[in-house]
């Protein structure tokens, strides 16, 4: 009986120690590592946005201006004389 009580107490303290270690590990991760990761991601996103803005300035397109770019590969597949196929329903 005494052995079971001792084992129970040892396992209880072992469980408490494991819970404390996990708690402090999560706390350290969220306090130090997570902000560094988020900071790097935010910097990457800012760089991408700046590159897009520079590229947009180089092309001369203003915000709100619409440009249509045709895909040459797709246009070459279809014959120019055929026209477009339009699906319709008959109305009685």
PDB file of N, CA and C in Angstrom:
ATOM      1  N   UNK A   1       0.820  -1.185   0.000  1.00  0.00           N
ATOM      2  CA  UNK A   1       0.000   0.000   0.000  1.00  0.00           C
ATOM      3  C   UNK A   1       0.872   1.260   0.000  1.00  0.00           C
ATOM      4  N   UNK A   2       1.899   1.263   0.789  1.00  0.00           N
ATOM      5  CA  UNK A   2       2.804   2.395   0.881  1.00  0.00           C
ATOM      6  C   UNK A   2       3.496   2.657  -0.459  1.00  0.00           C
ATOM      7  N   UNK A   3       3.804   1.596  -1.197  1.00  0.00           N
ATOM      8  CA  UNK A   3       4.444   1.715  -2.508  1.00  0.00           C
ATOM      9  C   UNK A   3       3.522   2.406  -3.502  1.00  0.00           C
ATOM     10  N   UNK A   4       2.237   2.063  -3.463  1.00  0.00           N
ATOM     11  CA  UNK A   4       1.274   2.680  -4.389  1.00  0.00           C
ATOM     12  C   UNK A   4       1.110   4.166  -4.115  1.00  0.00           C
ATOM     13  N   UNK A   5       1.106   4.561  -2.882  1.00  0.00           N
ATOM     14  CA  UNK A   5       0.989   5.974  -2.520  1.00  0.00           C
ATOM     15  C   UNK A   5       2.229   6.729  -2.987  1.00  0.00           C
ATOM     16  N   UNK A   6       3.371   6.154  -2.801  1.00  0.00           N
ATOM     17  CA  UNK A   6       4.621   6.791  -3.240  1.00  0.00           C
ATOM     18  C   UNK A   6       4.650   6.949  -4.756  1.00  0.00           C
ATOM     19  N   UNK A   7       4.255   5.883  -5.472  1.00  0.00           N
ATOM     20  CA  UNK A   7       4.216   5.959  -6.936  1.00  0.00           C
ATOM     21  C   UNK A   7       3.195   6.983  -7.403  1.00  0.00           C
ATOM     22  N   UNK A   8       2.070   7.070  -6.734  1.00  0.00           N
ATOM     23  CA  UNK A   8       1.037   8.032  -7.085  1.00  0.00           C
ATOM     24  C   UNK A   8       1.558   9.456  -6.921  1.00  0.00           C
ATOM     25  N   UNK A   9       2.234   9.716  -5.821  1.00  0.00           N
ATOM     26  CA  UNK A   9       2.774  11.056  -5.560  1.00  0.00           C
ATOM     27  C   UNK A   9       3.870  11.399  -6.570  1.00  0.00           C
ATOM     28  N   UNK A  10       4.732  10.442  -6.877  1.00  0.00           N
ATOM     29  CA  UNK A  10       5.812  10.679  -7.851  1.00  0.00           C
ATOM     30  C   UNK A  10       5.229  10.982  -9.229  1.00  0.00           C
ATOM     31  N   UNK A  11       4.245  10.220  -9.651  1.00  0.00           N
ATOM     32  CA  UNK A  11       3.617  10.467 -10.957  1.00  0.00           C
ATOM     33  C   UNK A  11       2.883  11.805 -10.976  1.00  0.00           C
ATOM     34  N   UNK A  12       2.264  12.154  -9.861  1.00  0.00           N
ATOM     35  CA  UNK A  12       1.576  13.445  -9.772  1.00  0.00           C
ATOM     36  C   UNK A  12       2.561  14.594  -9.946  1.00  0.00           C
ATOM     37  N   UNK A  13       3.685  14.553  -9.239  1.00  0.00           N
ATOM     38  CA  UNK A  13       4.687  15.614  -9.373  1.00  0.00           C
ATOM     39  C   UNK A  13       5.329  15.613 -10.754  1.00  0.00           C
ATOM     40  N   UNK A  14       5.544  14.437 -11.317  1.00  0.00           N
ATOM     41  CA  UNK A  14       6.097  14.351 -12.677  1.00  0.00           C
ATOM     42  C   UNK A  14       5.143  15.012 -13.679  1.00  0.00           C
ATOM     43  N   UNK A  15       3.839  14.772 -13.511  1.00  0.00           N
ATOM     44  CA  UNK A  15       2.850  15.393 -14.385  1.00  0.00           C
ATOM     45  C   UNK A  15       2.842  16.910 -14.204  1.00  0.00           C
ATOM     46  N   UNK A  16       2.920  17.377 -12.971  1.00  0.00           N
ATOM     47  CA  UNK A  16       2.975  18.821 -12.731  1.00  0.00           C
ATOM     48  C   UNK A  16       4.207  19.455 -13.371  1.00  0.00           C
ATOM     49  N   UNK A  17       5.329  18.792 -13.279  1.00  0.00           N
ATOM     50  CA  UNK A  17       6.571  19.316 -13.871  1.00  0.00           C
ATOM     51  C   UNK A  17       6.451  19.373 -15.391  1.00  0.00           C
ATOM     52  N   UNK A  18       5.873  18.338 -15.993  1.00  0.00           N
ATOM     53  CA  UNK A  18       5.698  18.334 -17.454  1.00  0.00           C
ATOM     54  C   UNK A  18       4.768  19.457 -17.879  1.00  0.00           C
ATOM     55  N   UNK A  19       3.682  19.649 -17.155  1.00  0.00           N
ATOM     56  CA  UNK A  19       2.755  20.743 -17.478  1.00  0.00           C
ATOM     57  C   UNK A  19       3.453  22.091 -17.345  1.00  0.00           C
ATOM     58  N   UNK A  20       4.254  22.268 -16.303  1.00  0.00           N
ATOM     59  CA  UNK A  20       4.972  23.534 -16.105  1.00  0.00           C
ATOM     60  C   UNK A  20       5.982  23.773 -17.231  1.00  0.00           C
ATOM     61  N   UNK A  21       6.682  22.731 -17.641  1.00  0.00           N
ATOM     62  CA  UNK A  21       7.663  22.870 -18.724  1.00  0.00           C
ATOM     63  C   UNK A  21       6.971  23.257 -20.021  1.00  0.00           C
ATOM     64  N   UNK A  22       5.871  22.604 -20.339  1.00  0.00           N
ATOM     65  CA  UNK A  22       5.128  22.923 -21.567  1.00  0.00           C
ATOM     66  C   UNK A  22       4.603  24.358 -21.500  1.00  0.00           C
ATOM     67  N   UNK A  23       4.076  24.750 -20.359  1.00  0.00           N
ATOM     68  CA  UNK A  23       3.557  26.113 -20.199  1.00  0.00           C
ATOM     69  C   UNK A  23       4.650  27.154 -20.433  1.00  0.00           C
ATOM     70  N   UNK A  24       5.791  26.965 -19.803  1.00  0.00           N
ATOM     71  CA  UNK A  24       6.867  27.940 -19.967  1.00  0.00           C
ATOM     72  C   UNK A  24       7.472  27.907 -21.372  1.00  0.00           C
ATOM     73  N   UNK A  25       7.491  26.750 -21.986  1.00  0.00           N
ATOM     74  CA  UNK A  25       7.989  26.671 -23.365  1.00  0.00           C
ATOM     75  C   UNK A  25       7.070  27.445 -24.309  1.00  0.00           C
ATOM     76  N   UNK A  26       5.764  27.280 -24.143  1.00  0.00           N
ATOM     77  CA  UNK A  26       4.816  28.024 -24.986  1.00  0.00           C
ATOM     78  C   UNK A  26       4.929  29.523 -24.706  1.00  0.00           C
ATOM     79  N   UNK A  27       5.073  29.873 -23.455  1.00  0.00           N
ATOM     80  CA  UNK A  27       5.202  31.277 -23.091  1.00  0.00           C
ATOM     81  C   UNK A  27       6.458  31.902 -23.702  1.00  0.00           C
ATOM     82  N   UNK A  28       7.587  31.208 -23.637  1.00  0.00           N
ATOM     83  CA  UNK A  28       8.822  31.713 -24.234  1.00  0.00           C
ATOM     84  C   UNK A  28       8.702  31.808 -25.753  1.00  0.00           C
ATOM     85  N   UNK A  29       8.072  30.820 -26.357  1.00  0.00           N
ATOM     86  CA  UNK A  29       7.899  30.825 -27.815  1.00  0.00           C
ATOM     87  C   UNK A  29       7.070  32.019 -28.255  1.00  0.00           C
ATOM     88  N   UNK A  30       5.952  32.249 -27.577  1.00  0.00           N
ATOM     89  CA  UNK A  30       5.095  33.368 -27.977  1.00  0.00           C
ATOM     90  C   UNK A  30       5.711  34.721 -27.635  1.00  0.00           C
ATOM     91  N   UNK A  31       6.577  34.774 -26.676  1.00  0.00           N
ATOM     92  CA  UNK A  31       7.167  36.051 -26.288  1.00  0.00           C
ATOM     93  C   UNK A  31       8.371  36.426 -27.157  1.00  0.00           C
ATOM     94  N   UNK A  32       9.185  35.443 -27.549  1.00  0.00           N
ATOM     95  CA  UNK A  32      10.428  35.760 -28.258  1.00  0.00           C
ATOM     96  C   UNK A  32      10.464  35.291 -29.704  1.00  0.00           C
ATOM     97  N   UNK A  33      10.067  34.066 -29.965  1.00  0.00           N
ATOM     98  CA  UNK A  33      10.221  33.502 -31.304  1.00  0.00           C
ATOM     99  C   UNK A  33       9.119  33.969 -32.246  1.00  0.00           C
ATOM    100  N   UNK A  34       7.877  33.938 -31.809  1.00  0.00           N
ATOM    101  CA  UNK A  34       6.749  34.313 -32.662  1.00  0.00           C
ATOM    102  C   UNK A  34       6.846  35.754 -33.161  1.00  0.00           C
ATOM    103  N   UNK A  35       7.194  36.727 -32.335  1.00  0.00           N
ATOM    104  CA  UNK A  35       7.339  38.096 -32.859  1.00  0.00           C
ATOM    105  C   UNK A  35       8.433  38.218 -33.928  1.00  0.00           C
ATOM    106  N   UNK A  36       9.519  37.466 -33.780  1.00  0.00           N
ATOM    107  CA  UNK A  36      10.575  37.522 -34.799  1.00  0.00           C
ATOM    108  C   UNK A  36      10.068  36.962 -36.122  1.00  0.00           C
ATOM    109  N   UNK A  37       9.333  35.869 -36.066  1.00  0.00           N
ATOM    110  CA  UNK A  37       8.792  35.266 -37.287  1.00  0.00           C
ATOM    111  C   UNK A  37       7.816  36.232 -37.952  1.00  0.00           C
ATOM    112  N   UNK A  38       6.915  36.811 -37.168  1.00  0.00           N
ATOM    113  CA  UNK A  38       5.937  37.750 -37.729  1.00  0.00           C
ATOM    114  C   UNK A  38       6.615  38.990 -38.296  1.00  0.00           C
ATOM    115  N   UNK A  39       7.648  39.462 -37.642  1.00  0.00           N
ATOM    116  CA  UNK A  39       8.367  40.641 -38.131  1.00  0.00           C
ATOM    117  C   UNK A  39       9.003  40.359 -39.495  1.00  0.00           C
ATOM    118  N   UNK A  40       9.605  39.180 -39.641  1.00  0.00           N
ATOM    119  CA  UNK A  40      10.208  38.816 -40.926  1.00  0.00           C
ATOM    120  C   UNK A  40       9.153  38.703 -42.014  1.00  0.00           C
ATOM    121  N   UNK A  41       8.011  38.113 -41.702  1.00  0.00           N
ATOM    122  CA  UNK A  41       6.933  37.986 -42.696  1.00  0.00           C
ATOM    123  C   UNK A  41       6.401  39.348 -43.100  1.00  0.00           C
ATOM    124  N   UNK A  42       6.251  40.247 -42.145  1.00  0.00           N
ATOM    125  CA  UNK A  42       5.750  41.588 -42.451  1.00  0.00           C
ATOM    126  C   UNK A  42       6.746  42.336 -43.334  1.00  0.00           C
ATOM    127  N   UNK A  43       8.038  42.196 -43.050  1.00  0.00           N
ATOM    128  CA  UNK A  43       9.059  42.849 -43.880  1.00  0.00           C
ATOM    129  C   UNK A  43       9.020  42.305 -45.309  1.00  0.00           C
ATOM    130  N   UNK A  44       8.854  40.982 -45.457  1.00  0.00           N
ATOM    131  CA  UNK A  44       8.766  40.386 -46.787  1.00  0.00           C
ATOM    132  C   UNK A  44       7.554  40.922 -47.546  1.00  0.00           C
ATOM    133  N   UNK A  45       6.426  41.025 -46.863  1.00  0.00           N
ATOM    134  CA  UNK A  45       5.230  41.538 -47.516  1.00  0.00           C
ATOM    135  C   UNK A  45       5.403  42.997 -47.923  1.00  0.00           C
ATOM    136  N   UNK A  46       6.055  43.791 -47.087  1.00  0.00           N
ATOM    137  CA  UNK A  46       6.297  45.194 -47.413  1.00  0.00           C
ATOM    138  C   UNK A  46       7.208  45.314 -48.632  1.00  0.00           C
ATOM    139  N   UNK A  47       8.234  44.470 -48.698  1.00  0.00           N
ATOM    140  CA  UNK A  47       9.136  44.499 -49.855  1.00  0.00           C
ATOM    141  C   UNK A  47       8.388  44.136 -51.136  1.00  0.00           C
ATOM    142  N   UNK A  48       7.540  43.123 -51.068  1.00  0.00           N
ATOM    143  CA  UNK A  48       6.769  42.726 -52.251  1.00  0.00           C
ATOM    144  C   UNK A  48       5.847  43.850 -52.703  1.00  0.00           C
ATOM    145  N   UNK A  49       5.216  44.512 -51.751  1.00  0.00           N
ATOM    146  CA  UNK A  49       4.320  45.610 -52.115  1.00  0.00           C
ATOM    147  C   UNK A  49       5.101  46.768 -52.732  1.00  0.00           C
ATOM    148  N   UNK A  50       6.270  47.067 -52.191  1.00  0.00           N
ATOM    149  CA  UNK A  50       7.091  48.140 -52.755  1.00  0.00           C
ATOM    150  C   UNK A  50       7.545  47.787 -54.169  1.00  0.00           C
ATOM    151  N   UNK A  51       7.919  46.517 -54.388  1.00  0.00           N
ATOM    152  CA  UNK A  51       8.318  46.092 -55.731  1.00  0.00           C
ATOM    153  C   UNK A  51       7.159  46.206 -56.708  1.00  0.00           C
ATOM    154  N   UNK A  52       5.961  45.856 -56.267  1.00  0.00           N
ATOM    155  CA  UNK A  52       4.799  45.975 -57.140  1.00  0.00           C
ATOM    156  C   UNK A  52       4.521  47.436 -57.475  1.00  0.00           C
ATOM    157  N   UNK A  53       4.669  48.305 -56.496  1.00  0.00           N
ATOM    158  CA  UNK A  53       4.449  49.728 -56.755  1.00  0.00           C
ATOM    159  C   UNK A  53       5.487  50.276 -57.725  1.00  0.00           C
ATOM    160  N   UNK A  54       6.744  49.874 -57.565  1.00  0.00           N
ATOM    161  CA  UNK A  54       7.794  50.321 -58.486  1.00  0.00           C
ATOM    162  C   UNK A  54       7.524  49.820 -59.892  1.00  0.00           C
ATOM    163  N   UNK A  55       7.101  48.567 -60.004  1.00  0.00           N
ATOM    164  CA  UNK A  55       6.808  47.995 -61.316  1.00  0.00           C
ATOM    165  C   UNK A  55       5.623  48.715 -61.956  1.00  0.00           C
ATOM    166  N   UNK A  56       4.631  49.059 -61.159  1.00  0.00           N
ATOM    167  CA  UNK A  56       3.472  49.759 -61.690  1.00  0.00           C
ATOM    168  C   UNK A  56       3.864  51.154 -62.165  1.00  0.00           C
ATOM    169  N   UNK A  57       4.770  51.810 -61.441  1.00  0.00           N
ATOM    170  CA  UNK A  57       5.226  53.139 -61.863  1.00  0.00           C
ATOM    171  C   UNK A  57       6.014  53.054 -63.164  1.00  0.00           C
ATOM    172  N   UNK A  58       6.808  51.971 -63.311  1.00  0.00           N
ATOM    173  CA  UNK A  58       7.607  51.808 -64.534  1.00  0.00           C
ATOM    174  C   UNK A  58       6.724  51.621 -65.761  1.00  0.00           C
ATOM    175  N   UNK A  59       5.637  50.893 -65.620  1.00  0.00           N
ATOM    176  CA  UNK A  59       4.777  50.640 -66.773  1.00  0.00           C
ATOM    177  C   UNK A  59       3.936  51.855 -67.115  1.00  0.00           C
ATOM    178  N   UNK A  60       3.800  52.793 -66.197  1.00  0.00           N
ATOM    179  CA  UNK A  60       3.076  54.019 -66.486  1.00  0.00           C
ATOM    180  C   UNK A  60       1.583  53.893 -66.269  1.00  0.00           C
ATOM    181  N   UNK A  61       1.098  52.814 -65.741  1.00  0.00           N
ATOM    182  CA  UNK A  61      -0.328  52.658 -65.504  1.00  0.00           C
ATOM    183  C   UNK A  61      -0.729  53.415 -64.246  1.00  0.00           C
ATOM    184  N   UNK A  62      -1.776  54.152 -64.352  1.00  0.00           N
ATOM    185  CA  UNK A  62      -2.310  54.870 -63.202  1.00  0.00           C
ATOM    186  C   UNK A  62      -3.312  53.975 -62.481  1.00  0.00           C
ATOM    187  N   UNK A  63      -3.548  54.257 -61.226  1.00  0.00           N
ATOM    188  CA  UNK A  63      -4.514  53.481 -60.461  1.00  0.00           C
ATOM    189  C   UNK A  63      -5.902  53.721 -61.037  1.00  0.00           C
ATOM    190  N   UNK A  64      -6.628  52.646 -61.285  1.00  0.00           N
ATOM    191  CA  UNK A  64      -7.962  52.730 -61.858  1.00  0.00           C
ATOM    192  C   UNK A  64      -7.969  52.589 -63.368  1.00  0.00           C
ATOM    193  N   UNK A  65      -6.802  52.644 -63.994  1.00  0.00           N
ATOM    194  CA  UNK A  65      -6.717  52.493 -65.437  1.00  0.00           C
ATOM    195  C   UNK A  65      -6.847  51.016 -65.791  1.00  0.00           C
ATOM    196  N   UNK A  66      -7.615  50.737 -66.842  1.00  0.00           N
ATOM    197  CA  UNK A  66      -7.875  49.354 -67.233  1.00  0.00           C
ATOM    198  C   UNK A  66      -7.066  49.028 -68.479  1.00  0.00           C
ATOM    199  N   UNK A  67      -6.345  47.914 -68.431  1.00  0.00           N
ATOM    200  CA  UNK A  67      -5.633  47.434 -69.608  1.00  0.00           C
ATOM    201  C   UNK A  67      -6.042  45.999 -69.875  1.00  0.00           C
ATOM    202  N   UNK A  68      -6.138  45.650 -71.142  1.00  0.00           N
ATOM    203  CA  UNK A  68      -6.511  44.293 -71.532  1.00  0.00           C
ATOM    204  C   UNK A  68      -5.313  43.670 -72.219  1.00  0.00           C
ATOM    205  N   UNK A  69      -4.882  42.530 -71.704  1.00  0.00           N
ATOM    206  CA  UNK A  69      -3.766  41.811 -72.296  1.00  0.00           C
ATOM    207  C   UNK A  69      -4.291  40.487 -72.833  1.00  0.00           C
ATOM    208  N   UNK A  70      -4.022  40.230 -74.098  1.00  0.00           N
ATOM    209  CA  UNK A  70      -4.507  39.011 -74.723  1.00  0.00           C
ATOM    210  C   UNK A  70      -3.434  37.932 -74.642  1.00  0.00           C
ATOM    211  N   UNK A  71      -3.862  36.714 -74.446  1.00  0.00           N
ATOM    212  CA  UNK A  71      -2.963  35.574 -74.412  1.00  0.00           C
ATOM    213  C   UNK A  71      -2.743  35.106 -75.849  1.00  0.00           C
ATOM    214  N   UNK A  72      -1.521  35.239 -76.366  1.00  0.00           N
ATOM    215  CA  UNK A  72      -1.227  34.909 -77.753  1.00  0.00           C
ATOM    216  C   UNK A  72      -1.393  33.423 -78.035  1.00  0.00           C
ATOM    217  N   UNK A  73      -1.027  32.582 -77.097  1.00  0.00           N
ATOM    218  CA  UNK A  73      -1.148  31.141 -77.305  1.00  0.00           C
ATOM    219  C   UNK A  73      -2.595  30.738 -77.502  1.00  0.00           C
ATOM    220  N   UNK A  74      -3.478  31.294 -76.730  1.00  0.00           N
ATOM    221  CA  UNK A  74      -4.892  30.943 -76.818  1.00  0.00           C
ATOM    222  C   UNK A  74      -5.496  31.449 -78.121  1.00  0.00           C
ATOM    223  N   UNK A  75      -5.095  32.630 -78.572  1.00  0.00           N
ATOM    224  CA  UNK A  75      -5.642  33.178 -79.806  1.00  0.00           C
ATOM    225  C   UNK A  75      -5.164  32.403 -81.023  1.00  0.00           C
ATOM    226  N   UNK A  76      -3.962  31.842 -80.994  1.00  0.00           N
ATOM    227  CA  UNK A  76      -3.446  31.103 -82.132  1.00  0.00           C
ATOM    228  C   UNK A  76      -4.154  29.772 -82.313  1.00  0.00           C
ATOM    229  N   UNK A  77      -4.676  29.192 -81.256  1.00  0.00           N
ATOM    230  CA  UNK A  77      -5.366  27.910 -81.355  1.00  0.00           C
ATOM    231  C   UNK A  77      -6.669  28.064 -82.130  1.00  0.00           C
ATOM    232  N   UNK A  78      -7.409  29.097 -81.883  1.00  0.00           N
ATOM    233  CA  UNK A  78      -8.693  29.317 -82.522  1.00  0.00           C
ATOM    234  C   UNK A  78      -8.475  29.990 -83.874  1.00  0.00           C
ATOM    235  N   UNK A  79      -9.218  29.591 -84.840  1.00  0.00           N
ATOM    236  CA  UNK A  79      -9.132  30.169 -86.175  1.00  0.00           C
ATOM    237  C   UNK A  79      -9.861  31.509 -86.166  1.00  0.00           C
ATOM    238  N   UNK A  80      -9.319  32.507 -86.801  1.00  0.00           N
ATOM    239  CA  UNK A  80      -9.923  33.843 -86.801  1.00  0.00           C
ATOM    240  C   UNK A  80     -11.242  33.855 -87.599  1.00  0.00           C
ATOM    241  N   UNK A  81     -11.397  32.996 -88.591  1.00  0.00           N
ATOM    242  CA  UNK A  81     -12.590  32.990 -89.433  1.00  0.00           C
ATOM    243  C   UNK A  81     -13.777  32.306 -88.757  1.00  0.00           C
ATOM    244  N   UNK A  82     -13.536  31.496 -87.759  1.00  0.00           N
ATOM    245  CA  UNK A  82     -14.607  30.731 -87.131  1.00  0.00           C
ATOM    246  C   UNK A  82     -15.533  31.593 -86.297  1.00  0.00           C
ATOM    247  N   UNK A  83     -15.048  32.569 -85.617  1.00  0.00           N
ATOM    248  CA  UNK A  83     -15.864  33.350 -84.699  1.00  0.00           C
ATOM    249  C   UNK A  83     -15.931  32.672 -83.345  1.00  0.00           C
ATOM    250  N   UNK A  84     -16.784  33.191 -82.514  1.00  0.00           N
ATOM    251  CA  UNK A  84     -16.912  32.636 -81.176  1.00  0.00           C
ATOM    252  C   UNK A  84     -18.164  31.794 -81.086  1.00  0.00           C
ATOM    253  N   UNK A  85     -18.110  30.756 -80.265  1.00  0.00           N
ATOM    254  CA  UNK A  85     -19.265  29.911 -80.014  1.00  0.00           C
ATOM    255  C   UNK A  85     -20.055  30.499 -78.860  1.00  0.00           C
ATOM    256  N   UNK A  86     -21.365  30.706 -79.084  1.00  0.00           N
ATOM    257  CA  UNK A  86     -22.219  31.257 -78.039  1.00  0.00           C
ATOM    258  C   UNK A  86     -23.286  30.223 -77.723  1.00  0.00           C
ATOM    259  N   UNK A  87     -23.343  29.829 -76.476  1.00  0.00           N
ATOM    260  CA  UNK A  87     -24.340  28.866 -76.030  1.00  0.00           C
ATOM    261  C   UNK A  87     -25.629  29.628 -75.709  1.00  0.00           C
ATOM    262  N   UNK A  88     -26.774  29.139 -76.217  1.00  0.00           N
ATOM    263  CA  UNK A  88     -28.042  29.808 -75.957  1.00  0.00           C
ATOM    264  C   UNK A  88     -29.140  28.792 -75.765  1.00  0.00           C
ATOM    265  N   UNK A  89     -30.258  29.271 -75.218  1.00  0.00           N
ATOM    266  CA  UNK A  89     -31.421  28.423 -75.038  1.00  0.00           C
ATOM    267  C   UNK A  89     -32.528  28.923 -75.963  1.00  0.00           C
ATOM    268  N   UNK A  90     -33.320  27.982 -76.514  1.00  0.00           N
ATOM    269  CA  UNK A  90     -34.459  28.373 -77.344  1.00  0.00           C
ATOM    270  C   UNK A  90     -35.611  28.779 -76.461  1.00  0.00           C
ATOM    271  N   UNK A  91     -36.252  29.861 -76.849  1.00  0.00           N
ATOM    272  CA  UNK A  91     -37.418  30.351 -76.111  1.00  0.00           C
ATOM    273  C   UNK A  91     -38.628  30.144 -76.992  1.00  0.00           C
ATOM    274  N   UNK A  92     -39.684  29.515 -76.458  1.00  0.00           N
ATOM    275  CA  UNK A  92     -40.889  29.263 -77.261  1.00  0.00           C
ATOM    276  C   UNK A  92     -41.933  30.309 -76.996  1.00  0.00           C
TER     277      UNK A  92
END
